[in-house]
Protein backbone atom coordinates (compact mmCIF):
# COMPACT_ATOMS: atom_id res chain seq x y z
CA MET A 1 79.36 118.40 76.23
CA GLU A 2 76.66 121.02 76.43
CA CYS A 3 74.62 119.01 78.93
CA VAL A 4 77.66 118.69 81.23
CA SER A 5 78.46 122.41 81.22
CA THR A 6 74.90 123.60 81.89
CA VAL A 7 74.07 121.46 84.91
CA SER A 8 72.70 123.26 87.94
CA TYR A 9 71.87 121.96 91.40
CA SER A 10 69.20 122.69 94.02
CA LEU A 11 69.04 121.60 97.64
CA VAL A 12 66.00 120.72 99.72
CA LEU A 13 66.06 122.85 102.89
CA ASN A 14 63.20 122.88 105.38
CA GLY A 15 60.96 121.12 102.86
CA GLY A 16 61.57 123.60 100.02
CA LEU A 17 63.99 123.86 97.10
CA THR A 18 66.75 126.46 97.07
CA LYS A 19 67.50 128.53 93.98
CA PRO A 20 69.51 126.55 91.40
CA PHE A 21 73.27 127.08 91.47
CA GLN A 22 76.14 126.04 89.19
CA ALA A 23 78.83 123.62 90.36
CA LYS A 24 82.22 125.33 90.58
CA ARG A 25 84.51 122.28 90.81
CA GLY A 26 84.72 118.64 89.89
CA ILE A 27 82.67 116.53 87.53
CA ARG A 28 79.16 115.21 87.93
CA GLN A 29 78.65 111.99 89.83
CA GLY A 30 78.05 109.23 87.31
CA ASP A 31 79.85 111.11 84.53
CA PRO A 32 81.32 108.52 82.12
CA MET A 33 84.65 110.39 82.20
CA SER A 34 85.11 109.80 85.96
CA PRO A 35 86.53 106.24 85.86
CA TYR A 36 89.05 107.22 83.18
CA LEU A 37 90.31 110.18 85.21
CA PHE A 38 90.65 107.92 88.25
CA VAL A 39 92.64 105.35 86.24
CA ILE A 40 94.99 108.08 85.00
CA ALA A 41 95.55 109.29 88.57
CA MET A 42 96.15 105.77 89.85
CA GLU A 43 98.62 105.10 87.03
CA TYR A 44 100.65 108.07 88.28
CA LEU A 45 100.52 106.72 91.85
CA GLN A 46 101.67 103.29 90.69
CA ARG A 47 104.65 104.79 88.87
CA GLU A 48 105.64 106.71 92.01
CA MET A 49 105.21 103.66 94.25
CA ASN A 50 107.28 101.50 91.88
CA GLN A 51 110.19 103.92 92.33
CA LEU A 52 110.25 103.52 96.12
CA PRO A 53 112.65 100.53 96.15
CA ALA A 54 115.25 102.63 94.30
CA THR A 55 115.63 104.80 97.41
CA LYS A 56 118.00 103.31 99.97
CA GLU A 57 115.71 104.38 102.85
CA PHE A 58 112.82 102.15 101.70
CA LYS A 59 112.70 98.49 102.72
CA TYR A 60 110.19 95.95 101.41
CA TYR A 61 107.78 94.13 103.66
CA PRO A 62 109.72 90.84 104.05
CA ARG A 63 107.14 88.64 102.31
CA CYS A 64 106.83 91.06 99.37
CA LYS A 65 110.52 91.53 98.56
CA LYS A 66 110.89 88.44 96.35
CA LEU A 67 107.99 89.60 94.14
CA GLY A 68 108.92 93.30 94.35
CA VAL A 69 105.46 94.28 95.61
CA THR A 70 105.06 97.71 97.24
CA HIS A 71 101.32 98.09 96.65
CA ILE A 72 98.19 96.52 95.21
CA CYS A 73 95.33 98.50 93.65
CA PHE A 74 91.85 97.08 93.12
CA ALA A 75 88.92 99.27 92.06
CA ASP A 76 89.17 102.22 94.46
CA ASN A 77 91.12 100.33 97.13
CA LEU A 78 94.84 100.58 97.75
CA LEU A 79 97.02 98.31 99.87
CA MET A 80 100.57 99.54 100.54
CA PHE A 81 103.33 97.30 101.89
CA CYS A 82 106.67 98.12 103.50
CA ARG A 83 108.84 97.03 106.38
CA ALA A 84 107.54 98.33 109.71
CA ASP A 85 110.41 100.76 110.32
CA ILE A 86 110.09 104.52 110.57
CA THR A 87 112.17 105.32 107.47
CA SER A 88 110.24 102.97 105.15
CA ILE A 89 106.89 104.18 106.45
CA THR A 90 108.02 107.81 106.11
CA LYS A 91 109.16 107.29 102.48
CA MET A 92 105.85 105.65 101.62
CA GLN A 93 103.90 108.43 103.34
CA GLU A 94 105.92 111.11 101.49
CA THR A 95 105.21 109.38 98.17
CA PHE A 96 101.49 109.27 98.89
CA GLN A 97 101.47 112.92 100.04
CA ARG A 98 103.11 113.99 96.75
CA PHE A 99 100.47 112.01 94.88
CA SER A 100 97.71 113.70 96.91
CA ALA A 101 99.14 117.16 96.21
CA VAL A 102 99.27 116.47 92.45
CA SER A 103 95.97 114.58 92.06
CA GLY A 104 93.79 116.15 94.74
CA LEU A 105 92.88 112.62 95.93
CA GLN A 106 93.21 112.01 99.64
CA THR A 107 92.63 109.19 102.05
CA ASN A 108 89.43 109.10 104.04
CA ALA A 109 90.61 108.49 107.61
CA ASN A 110 87.20 107.06 108.55
CA LYS A 111 87.53 104.37 105.88
CA SER A 112 91.26 103.65 106.26
CA SER A 113 93.22 101.22 108.41
CA ILE A 114 96.86 100.57 109.18
CA TYR A 115 98.01 97.04 109.98
CA ILE A 116 101.46 96.34 111.37
CA ALA A 117 102.71 92.74 111.14
CA GLY A 118 105.93 90.93 111.92
CA VAL A 119 107.26 93.48 114.42
CA HIS A 120 109.28 91.95 117.25
């Protein structure tokens, strides 16, 4: 652990290196602990998402109800499914906001999309 706690960083500005500084937050990129921490955080999100159907406000996306699917996680991607009504979307958004507050993980709006299907 000594090598992790003594890491310092320098930036290249105008062709020269700045003075080294210590990181104040987070873990180093490429740290072997990183994937495990992510898996722990995603496990918490999955538990929260699996509780959504227990609330009477949440409605499944019609094609997902039979299988009980509210979300699918793969690597660092997340697909969330619900009926396209305001109460279901709000419940899902509230669940994700609670997860973000606890984990510190947030969506990147530039890399995110919302698809609405089956709305008449």
